[in-house]
N, C-alpha and C. Protein backbone atom coordinates (compact mmCIF):
# COMPACT_ATOMS: atom_id res chain seq x y z
N GLU A 1 52.36 96.97 106.88
CA GLU A 1 52.85 95.70 106.37
C GLU A 1 52.70 95.71 104.86
N SER A 2 53.78 95.54 104.17
CA SER A 2 53.71 95.59 102.72
C SER A 2 53.29 94.26 102.13
N GLY A 3 53.57 93.15 102.80
CA GLY A 3 53.21 91.84 102.30
C GLY A 3 54.18 91.32 101.26
N SER A 4 55.15 92.16 100.86
CA SER A 4 56.14 91.70 99.89
C SER A 4 57.42 91.31 100.61
N PRO A 5 58.16 90.38 100.04
CA PRO A 5 59.39 89.95 100.69
C PRO A 5 60.44 91.05 100.66
N PRO A 6 61.42 90.97 101.56
CA PRO A 6 62.51 91.96 101.56
C PRO A 6 63.27 91.90 100.24
N SER A 7 63.93 92.98 99.92
CA SER A 7 64.72 93.04 98.68
C SER A 7 65.89 92.07 98.78
N PRO A 8 66.44 91.64 97.64
CA PRO A 8 67.62 90.77 97.68
C PRO A 8 68.79 91.41 98.43
N GLU A 9 68.91 92.73 98.31
CA GLU A 9 69.99 93.43 99.01
C GLU A 9 69.80 93.33 100.53
N ALA A 10 68.57 93.54 100.98
CA ALA A 10 68.29 93.45 102.42
C ALA A 10 68.50 92.02 102.91
N MET A 11 68.11 91.04 102.10
CA MET A 11 68.31 89.64 102.48
C MET A 11 69.80 89.33 102.59
N ALA A 12 70.59 89.85 101.67
CA ALA A 12 72.04 89.61 101.70
C ALA A 12 72.67 90.24 102.94
N ARG A 13 72.26 91.46 103.28
CA ARG A 13 72.79 92.13 104.49
C ARG A 13 72.38 91.36 105.74
N THR A 14 71.13 90.88 105.74
CA THR A 14 70.65 90.11 106.89
C THR A 14 71.44 88.82 107.04
N GLU A 15 71.67 88.11 105.94
CA GLU A 15 72.42 86.85 105.99
C GLU A 15 73.86 87.10 106.46
N ALA A 16 74.48 88.19 106.02
CA ALA A 16 75.83 88.52 106.46
C ALA A 16 75.85 88.75 107.97
N LEU A 17 74.87 89.45 108.49
CA LEU A 17 74.79 89.69 109.93
C LEU A 17 74.59 88.38 110.68
N LEU A 18 73.70 87.52 110.17
CA LEU A 18 73.47 86.23 110.82
C LEU A 18 74.74 85.38 110.83
N GLN A 19 75.49 85.39 109.73
CA GLN A 19 76.75 84.65 109.67
C GLN A 19 77.73 85.17 110.72
N GLU A 20 77.80 86.49 110.86
CA GLU A 20 78.68 87.09 111.87
C GLU A 20 78.25 86.66 113.28
N MET A 21 76.96 86.66 113.53
CA MET A 21 76.46 86.25 114.84
C MET A 21 76.74 84.76 115.09
N ARG A 22 76.64 83.93 114.04
CA ARG A 22 76.98 82.50 114.19
C ARG A 22 78.44 82.34 114.59
N LYS A 23 79.32 83.07 113.91
CA LYS A 23 80.75 83.00 114.21
C LYS A 23 81.05 83.41 115.64
N LYS A 24 80.32 84.39 116.15
CA LYS A 24 80.51 84.85 117.53
C LYS A 24 79.87 83.90 118.53
N GLY A 25 79.02 82.98 118.03
CA GLY A 25 78.36 82.03 118.92
C GLY A 25 77.18 82.60 119.69
N VAL A 26 76.62 83.69 119.21
CA VAL A 26 75.49 84.30 119.92
C VAL A 26 74.14 84.02 119.28
N LEU A 27 74.12 83.48 118.06
CA LEU A 27 72.86 83.21 117.38
C LEU A 27 72.35 81.83 117.77
N VAL A 28 71.17 81.77 118.33
CA VAL A 28 70.55 80.50 118.71
C VAL A 28 69.74 79.96 117.54
N ALA A 29 68.91 80.80 116.94
CA ALA A 29 68.09 80.39 115.80
C ALA A 29 67.65 81.63 115.05
N SER A 30 67.37 81.47 113.78
CA SER A 30 66.78 82.57 113.02
C SER A 30 65.53 82.04 112.35
N ILE A 31 64.50 82.86 112.40
CA ILE A 31 63.20 82.46 111.88
C ILE A 31 62.65 83.60 111.03
N GLY A 32 62.25 83.30 109.83
CA GLY A 32 61.56 84.27 108.99
C GLY A 32 60.07 84.08 109.15
N MET A 33 59.35 85.15 109.40
CA MET A 33 57.91 85.08 109.60
C MET A 33 57.19 85.65 108.38
N ALA A 34 56.09 85.01 108.03
CA ALA A 34 55.26 85.51 106.95
C ALA A 34 54.52 86.76 107.43
N PRO A 35 54.04 87.57 106.50
CA PRO A 35 53.28 88.76 106.91
C PRO A 35 51.98 88.37 107.61
N SER A 36 51.47 89.28 108.41
CA SER A 36 50.25 88.98 109.18
C SER A 36 49.05 88.70 108.29
N SER A 37 49.11 89.08 107.03
CA SER A 37 48.00 88.77 106.12
C SER A 37 47.82 87.26 105.95
N ARG A 38 48.85 86.48 106.28
CA ARG A 38 48.76 85.03 106.19
C ARG A 38 48.54 84.39 107.56
N GLY A 39 48.37 85.20 108.59
CA GLY A 39 48.24 84.69 109.95
C GLY A 39 46.85 84.90 110.53
N ALA A 40 46.78 84.78 111.83
CA ALA A 40 45.52 84.96 112.55
C ALA A 40 45.82 85.49 113.94
N ARG A 41 44.87 86.18 114.52
CA ARG A 41 44.96 86.66 115.90
C ARG A 41 43.82 86.00 116.66
N VAL A 42 44.15 85.41 117.79
CA VAL A 42 43.16 84.72 118.61
C VAL A 42 43.09 85.42 119.95
N ARG A 43 41.89 85.70 120.40
CA ARG A 43 41.69 86.34 121.70
C ARG A 43 40.85 85.41 122.56
N PHE A 44 41.36 85.13 123.74
CA PHE A 44 40.62 84.36 124.74
C PHE A 44 40.20 85.33 125.82
N ALA A 45 38.92 85.42 126.10
CA ALA A 45 38.40 86.30 127.15
C ALA A 45 37.14 85.68 127.74
N ASN A 46 37.11 85.65 129.04
CA ASN A 46 35.94 85.10 129.74
C ASN A 46 35.59 83.69 129.27
N GLY A 47 36.61 82.90 129.00
CA GLY A 47 36.40 81.52 128.60
C GLY A 47 35.93 81.34 127.17
N LYS A 48 35.91 82.41 126.37
CA LYS A 48 35.48 82.31 124.98
C LYS A 48 36.62 82.66 124.04
N ARG A 49 36.64 82.01 122.88
CA ARG A 49 37.68 82.23 121.88
C ARG A 49 37.10 82.95 120.68
N SER A 50 37.80 84.00 120.22
CA SER A 50 37.44 84.64 118.96
C SER A 50 38.68 84.66 118.08
N VAL A 51 38.48 84.47 116.78
CA VAL A 51 39.57 84.40 115.82
C VAL A 51 39.38 85.48 114.77
N MET A 52 40.45 86.24 114.51
CA MET A 52 40.43 87.26 113.48
C MET A 52 41.54 86.94 112.48
N ASP A 53 41.17 86.78 111.21
CA ASP A 53 42.17 86.55 110.18
C ASP A 53 42.95 87.84 109.94
N GLY A 54 44.23 87.69 109.56
CA GLY A 54 45.06 88.83 109.25
C GLY A 54 44.64 89.45 107.93
N PRO A 55 45.17 90.57 107.54
CA PRO A 55 46.23 91.28 108.27
C PRO A 55 45.67 92.05 109.45
N PHE A 56 46.55 92.31 110.42
CA PHE A 56 46.15 93.09 111.57
C PHE A 56 47.24 94.08 111.91
N ALA A 57 46.85 95.12 112.64
CA ALA A 57 47.78 96.19 112.99
C ALA A 57 48.87 95.64 113.91
N GLU A 58 49.92 96.40 114.05
CA GLU A 58 51.02 96.00 114.94
C GLU A 58 50.50 95.79 116.35
N SER A 59 51.20 94.94 117.09
CA SER A 59 50.82 94.69 118.48
C SER A 59 50.94 95.97 119.28
N LYS A 60 50.04 96.15 120.23
CA LYS A 60 50.04 97.35 121.06
C LYS A 60 51.03 97.22 122.21
N GLU A 61 51.43 95.98 122.51
CA GLU A 61 52.30 95.75 123.65
C GLU A 61 53.49 94.90 123.23
N LEU A 62 54.49 94.87 124.07
CA LEU A 62 55.65 94.04 123.80
C LEU A 62 55.30 92.57 123.97
N ILE A 63 56.03 91.73 123.28
CA ILE A 63 55.81 90.29 123.39
C ILE A 63 56.23 89.84 124.78
N ALA A 64 55.35 89.10 125.45
CA ALA A 64 55.64 88.60 126.79
C ALA A 64 56.27 87.21 126.73
N GLY A 65 56.17 86.57 125.60
CA GLY A 65 56.74 85.25 125.41
C GLY A 65 56.33 84.72 124.06
N PHE A 66 56.91 83.60 123.67
CA PHE A 66 56.53 83.03 122.40
C PHE A 66 56.73 81.53 122.42
N ALA A 67 56.07 80.88 121.50
CA ALA A 67 56.23 79.45 121.30
C ALA A 67 56.23 79.20 119.81
N VAL A 68 57.02 78.24 119.38
CA VAL A 68 57.02 77.83 117.99
C VAL A 68 56.33 76.48 117.94
N LEU A 69 55.22 76.43 117.23
CA LEU A 69 54.44 75.20 117.12
C LEU A 69 54.56 74.66 115.71
N GLU A 70 54.60 73.35 115.60
CA GLU A 70 54.57 72.75 114.27
C GLU A 70 53.19 72.16 114.06
N ALA A 71 52.47 72.74 113.13
CA ALA A 71 51.11 72.30 112.83
C ALA A 71 50.91 72.42 111.33
N PRO A 72 50.06 71.58 110.76
CA PRO A 72 49.87 71.61 109.31
C PRO A 72 49.27 72.92 108.80
N THR A 73 48.43 73.57 109.60
CA THR A 73 47.77 74.80 109.17
C THR A 73 47.68 75.78 110.34
N VAL A 74 47.40 77.04 110.02
CA VAL A 74 47.17 78.04 111.07
C VAL A 74 45.97 77.61 111.91
N ALA A 75 44.95 77.06 111.27
CA ALA A 75 43.76 76.62 112.01
C ALA A 75 44.12 75.56 113.05
N ASP A 76 45.00 74.64 112.69
CA ASP A 76 45.43 73.62 113.65
C ASP A 76 46.20 74.25 114.80
N ALA A 77 47.05 75.23 114.50
CA ALA A 77 47.79 75.92 115.56
C ALA A 77 46.84 76.68 116.48
N ILE A 78 45.80 77.27 115.91
CA ILE A 78 44.80 77.98 116.72
C ILE A 78 44.14 77.00 117.70
N ASP A 79 43.81 75.82 117.23
CA ASP A 79 43.21 74.82 118.11
C ASP A 79 44.17 74.46 119.26
N LEU A 80 45.46 74.37 118.96
CA LEU A 80 46.44 74.06 120.00
C LEU A 80 46.54 75.17 121.04
N SER A 81 46.22 76.41 120.65
CA SER A 81 46.37 77.54 121.56
C SER A 81 45.43 77.48 122.75
N ALA A 82 44.36 76.74 122.64
CA ALA A 82 43.41 76.64 123.75
C ALA A 82 44.09 76.11 125.01
N GLU A 83 45.07 75.24 124.84
CA GLU A 83 45.78 74.72 126.01
C GLU A 83 46.57 75.82 126.72
N PHE A 84 47.21 76.72 125.93
CA PHE A 84 47.91 77.85 126.53
C PHE A 84 46.93 78.74 127.29
N ALA A 85 45.81 79.04 126.64
CA ALA A 85 44.83 79.94 127.25
C ALA A 85 44.24 79.35 128.52
N SER A 86 44.12 78.03 128.59
CA SER A 86 43.56 77.42 129.79
C SER A 86 44.48 77.63 130.99
N ILE A 87 45.76 77.84 130.73
CA ILE A 87 46.73 78.08 131.82
C ILE A 87 46.86 79.58 132.08
N ILE A 88 46.98 80.37 131.02
CA ILE A 88 47.26 81.80 131.14
C ILE A 88 46.02 82.60 131.49
N GLY A 89 44.87 82.21 130.97
CA GLY A 89 43.64 82.98 131.16
C GLY A 89 43.39 83.88 129.98
N ASP A 90 42.82 85.05 130.22
CA ASP A 90 42.53 85.98 129.14
C ASP A 90 43.83 86.39 128.47
N VAL A 91 43.94 86.17 127.16
CA VAL A 91 45.18 86.41 126.44
C VAL A 91 44.88 86.65 124.97
N GLU A 92 45.77 87.36 124.30
CA GLU A 92 45.69 87.55 122.86
C GLU A 92 46.93 86.92 122.25
N ILE A 93 46.74 86.10 121.23
CA ILE A 93 47.84 85.36 120.62
C ILE A 93 47.84 85.63 119.12
N ASP A 94 49.00 85.99 118.57
CA ASP A 94 49.15 86.14 117.12
C ASP A 94 49.81 84.90 116.56
N PHE A 95 49.33 84.44 115.42
CA PHE A 95 49.90 83.29 114.73
C PHE A 95 50.43 83.76 113.39
N LEU A 96 51.70 83.48 113.12
CA LEU A 96 52.31 83.82 111.84
C LEU A 96 53.02 82.58 111.32
N PRO A 97 52.76 82.20 110.08
CA PRO A 97 53.48 81.05 109.52
C PRO A 97 54.97 81.34 109.43
N ILE A 98 55.78 80.33 109.68
CA ILE A 98 57.23 80.44 109.53
C ILE A 98 57.56 80.17 108.07
N VAL A 99 58.35 81.05 107.48
CA VAL A 99 58.73 80.87 106.09
C VAL A 99 60.14 80.32 105.97
N ALA A 100 60.96 80.46 107.01
CA ALA A 100 62.31 79.91 107.00
C ALA A 100 62.80 79.82 108.43
N MET A 101 63.52 78.76 108.73
CA MET A 101 64.08 78.61 110.07
C MET A 101 65.41 77.91 109.97
N GLU A 102 66.35 78.41 110.74
CA GLU A 102 67.67 77.80 110.78
C GLU A 102 68.15 77.78 112.22
N THR A 103 68.70 76.68 112.66
CA THR A 103 69.30 76.60 113.98
C THR A 103 70.75 76.20 113.84
N HIS A 104 71.54 76.46 114.87
CA HIS A 104 72.95 76.01 114.80
C HIS A 104 73.24 75.05 115.89
């Protein structure tokens, strides 16, 4: 993770692709995520919660699902995650701030 934003050229290519997908009607939403250095990883195991501030290595497994939460801070989002863990059980959750979001 470099922690630096994509180049203007990469952003322009990405926006062109998103525009094309909008025209085709296949784009539901686009979300820009901040680097993991601004996020946190929360692990629930045996009824206990541990929090690790980013940056952290890439996930070892594929994403099984996701949720977009609106919270004032990462710490507030972490507190909200306890409800997910109470249903799912032992789980690892990554939190990344959203830097841009667009829906159609």
